[in-house]
């Protein structure tokens, strides 16, 4: 009887471990839960006291939006949009580009015109974290001459605020990002 309980206990432990492993695997892929057409918004901002102590040019707010869509009827694409406000800067910076899922489940979003890349990974509890390479990432839409767009060069030391971006209502990302997307669409239409 005690052997049977031991096996049952071992089986329960194995099942619990398998559940934890599968849960961790599911958490390591931020966009896996998005269906085509869905958007997810994450953000972080400095509180009033931290903002008062922060130097000019420090990140005061960062928003990341992930969007999954089907292109050409079959290609499943995840877009990553990054919106950044800097203390003392009159304009916020925005960039949006395609993301590729990495072996560890994170997303690598490469910015056109050699703007670098930002990486998104799971930070637990439904949150994500943002990282940039050693050379940083240039938050500016490639080729745009819009005066409404700001520019930010984010280096690894600059993004402590983005170590944990929590889920936000989709409207919090859509409001600033849709504005920039419309401006960029108009600019592109004028070029064509």
Protein backbone atom coordinates (compact mmCIF):
# COMPACT_ATOMS: atom_id res chain seq x y z
CA UNK A 1 0.00 0.00 0.00
CA UNK A 2 2.75 2.48 0.86
CA UNK A 3 4.44 1.63 -2.45
CA UNK A 4 1.19 2.45 -4.24
CA UNK A 5 0.97 5.81 -2.42
CA UNK A 6 4.60 6.52 -3.31
CA UNK A 7 3.90 5.87 -6.98
CA UNK A 8 0.79 7.95 -6.84
CA UNK A 9 2.74 10.75 -5.15
CA UNK A 10 5.52 10.47 -7.75
CA UNK A 11 2.95 10.47 -10.54
CA UNK A 12 1.33 13.61 -9.07
CA UNK A 13 4.72 15.28 -8.76
CA UNK A 14 5.52 14.41 -12.38
CA UNK A 15 2.16 15.75 -13.52
CA UNK A 16 2.69 18.96 -11.53
CA UNK A 17 6.16 19.38 -13.02
CA UNK A 18 4.79 18.78 -16.55
CA UNK A 19 2.09 21.38 -15.93
CA UNK A 20 4.69 23.90 -14.71
CA UNK A 21 6.94 23.22 -17.72
CA UNK A 22 4.08 23.54 -20.22
CA UNK A 23 2.86 26.68 -18.46
CA UNK A 24 6.37 28.20 -18.59
CA UNK A 25 6.66 27.29 -22.27
CA UNK A 26 3.33 28.95 -22.98
CA UNK A 27 4.46 32.04 -21.08
CA UNK A 28 7.72 32.29 -23.00
CA UNK A 29 5.94 33.15 -26.24
CA UNK A 30 4.22 36.56 -25.82
CA UNK A 31 2.27 36.50 -29.10
CA UNK A 32 1.25 32.83 -29.17
CA UNK A 33 -2.12 33.55 -27.56
CA UNK A 34 -3.04 36.23 -30.13
CA UNK A 35 -5.44 35.24 -32.87
CA UNK A 36 -5.27 36.84 -36.30
CA UNK A 37 -6.49 40.43 -36.08
CA UNK A 38 -6.02 40.66 -32.32
CA UNK A 39 -3.85 43.20 -30.54
CA UNK A 40 -2.23 43.12 -27.11
CA UNK A 41 -1.03 46.24 -25.29
CA UNK A 42 1.63 46.44 -22.57
CA UNK A 43 3.09 49.46 -20.84
CA UNK A 44 5.04 51.06 -18.03
CA UNK A 45 5.47 54.64 -16.91
CA UNK A 46 7.34 56.49 -14.22
CA UNK A 47 5.38 57.68 -11.23
CA UNK A 48 5.44 61.39 -10.33
CA UNK A 49 8.25 61.05 -7.78
CA UNK A 50 10.44 58.93 -10.08
CA UNK A 51 9.76 61.29 -12.99
CA UNK A 52 10.82 64.29 -10.89
CA UNK A 53 14.16 62.56 -10.07
CA UNK A 54 14.76 61.29 -13.62
CA UNK A 55 17.19 63.23 -15.82
CA UNK A 56 16.02 64.99 -18.94
CA UNK A 57 15.79 62.49 -21.80
CA UNK A 58 14.93 59.53 -19.54
CA UNK A 59 12.09 57.27 -20.66
CA UNK A 60 8.93 58.42 -18.90
CA UNK A 61 6.55 56.01 -20.65
CA UNK A 62 6.87 53.01 -22.93
CA UNK A 63 4.08 51.14 -24.71
CA UNK A 64 4.42 47.95 -26.73
CA UNK A 65 1.64 46.67 -28.95
CA UNK A 66 1.69 43.22 -30.52
CA UNK A 67 -0.59 42.56 -33.47
CA UNK A 68 -1.05 39.32 -35.39
CA UNK A 69 -2.36 39.28 -38.95
CA UNK A 70 -2.51 36.99 -41.94
CA UNK A 71 -0.71 38.34 -44.97
CA UNK A 72 -1.20 36.97 -48.47
CA UNK A 73 -3.84 34.61 -47.10
CA UNK A 74 -1.37 32.27 -45.42
CA UNK A 75 1.63 34.03 -43.86
CA UNK A 76 1.05 34.65 -40.18
CA UNK A 77 2.87 37.83 -39.18
CA UNK A 78 3.36 39.39 -35.77
CA UNK A 79 3.95 43.15 -35.73
CA UNK A 80 5.61 44.87 -32.82
CA UNK A 81 4.99 48.56 -32.27
CA UNK A 82 6.97 50.62 -29.79
CA UNK A 83 5.88 54.04 -28.52
CA UNK A 84 8.22 55.96 -26.20
CA UNK A 85 7.92 59.25 -24.35
CA UNK A 86 11.07 60.89 -23.04
CA UNK A 87 11.19 63.39 -20.18
CA UNK A 88 11.58 66.89 -21.57
CA UNK A 89 11.06 65.86 -25.20
CA UNK A 90 8.20 67.59 -26.95
CA UNK A 91 7.44 64.65 -29.23
CA UNK A 92 7.01 60.98 -28.58
CA UNK A 93 8.76 58.39 -30.73
CA UNK A 94 7.07 55.53 -32.59
CA UNK A 95 8.18 52.58 -34.69
CA UNK A 96 6.44 49.46 -35.97
CA UNK A 97 7.96 46.48 -37.73
CA UNK A 98 7.71 42.73 -38.13
CA UNK A 99 8.78 40.33 -35.39
CA UNK A 100 10.21 36.84 -35.61
CA UNK A 101 9.75 34.22 -32.94
CA UNK A 102 13.07 33.00 -31.53
CA UNK A 103 13.89 29.49 -30.30
CA UNK A 104 13.43 30.55 -26.67
CA UNK A 105 9.91 31.82 -27.47
CA UNK A 106 10.82 35.50 -27.36
CA UNK A 107 10.11 37.85 -30.24
CA UNK A 108 12.80 39.81 -32.09
CA UNK A 109 11.41 42.88 -33.84
CA UNK A 110 13.91 44.29 -36.35
CA UNK A 111 13.70 47.94 -37.32
CA UNK A 112 14.19 48.87 -40.99
CA UNK A 113 17.09 51.09 -42.15
CA UNK A 114 19.42 49.43 -39.65
CA UNK A 115 17.51 50.83 -36.70
CA UNK A 116 18.48 47.84 -34.58
CA UNK A 117 16.05 45.48 -32.92
CA UNK A 118 14.04 45.14 -29.77
CA UNK A 119 13.28 41.85 -28.10
CA UNK A 120 10.12 40.95 -26.22
CA UNK A 121 9.93 38.07 -23.78
CA UNK A 122 7.57 36.89 -21.10
CA UNK A 123 8.08 38.43 -17.66
CA UNK A 124 5.47 36.30 -15.86
CA UNK A 125 1.99 37.15 -14.60
CA UNK A 126 0.89 38.15 -18.12
CA UNK A 127 3.60 40.82 -18.36
CA UNK A 128 6.39 41.16 -20.92
CA UNK A 129 9.89 42.57 -20.81
CA UNK A 130 11.62 44.69 -23.42
CA UNK A 131 15.32 44.40 -24.24
CA UNK A 132 17.57 45.99 -26.84
CA UNK A 133 20.97 44.96 -28.22
CA UNK A 134 24.26 46.56 -27.20
CA UNK A 135 23.97 49.16 -29.97
CA UNK A 136 20.44 50.00 -28.88
CA UNK A 137 17.39 50.57 -31.04
CA UNK A 138 16.44 53.69 -32.94
CA UNK A 139 12.77 54.47 -32.37
CA UNK A 140 11.99 56.32 -35.57
CA UNK A 141 10.10 55.19 -38.64
CA UNK A 142 12.53 54.65 -41.50
CA UNK A 143 12.38 57.19 -44.31
CA UNK A 144 9.73 59.36 -42.70
CA UNK A 145 10.09 63.12 -42.68
CA UNK A 146 7.04 63.73 -40.48
CA UNK A 147 7.68 66.53 -38.04
CA UNK A 148 5.13 65.04 -35.62
CA UNK A 149 7.40 62.04 -34.99
CA UNK A 150 10.09 62.25 -32.36
CA UNK A 151 13.22 60.12 -32.27
CA UNK A 152 14.67 58.08 -29.43
CA UNK A 153 17.81 55.98 -29.31
CA UNK A 154 17.29 53.42 -26.57
CA UNK A 155 20.41 51.80 -25.14
CA UNK A 156 20.34 48.87 -22.70
CA UNK A 157 21.10 51.17 -19.74
CA UNK A 158 18.12 53.38 -20.66
CA UNK A 159 15.36 50.81 -20.45
CA UNK A 160 15.15 49.78 -16.78
CA UNK A 161 11.53 51.01 -16.85
CA UNK A 162 10.79 48.36 -19.50
CA UNK A 163 11.96 45.37 -17.46
CA UNK A 164 8.29 44.59 -16.79
CA UNK A 165 5.53 45.95 -19.00
CA UNK A 166 2.10 45.05 -17.70
CA UNK A 167 -1.04 44.44 -19.75
CA UNK A 168 -2.97 47.61 -20.56
CA UNK A 169 -6.30 48.20 -22.26
CA UNK A 170 -5.89 48.03 -26.06
CA UNK A 171 -7.10 51.64 -26.30
CA UNK A 172 -4.06 52.85 -24.36
CA UNK A 173 -1.79 51.66 -27.19
CA UNK A 174 -4.22 52.34 -30.01
CA UNK A 175 -4.68 56.03 -29.21
CA UNK A 176 -1.09 57.18 -29.85
CA UNK A 177 -0.17 54.43 -32.29
CA UNK A 178 -3.20 54.80 -34.57
CA UNK A 179 -2.43 58.52 -34.84
CA UNK A 180 1.11 57.82 -36.04
CA UNK A 181 -0.02 55.00 -38.35
CA UNK A 182 -2.51 57.34 -40.07
CA UNK A 183 0.11 60.06 -40.48
CA UNK A 184 2.56 57.54 -41.98
CA UNK A 185 -0.11 56.12 -44.33
CA UNK A 186 -0.84 59.66 -45.62
CA UNK A 187 2.85 60.34 -46.10
CA UNK A 188 3.31 57.04 -47.97
CA UNK A 189 0.26 57.69 -50.15
CA UNK A 190 1.78 61.06 -51.10
CA UNK A 191 4.97 59.31 -52.23
CA UNK A 192 3.15 56.77 -54.43
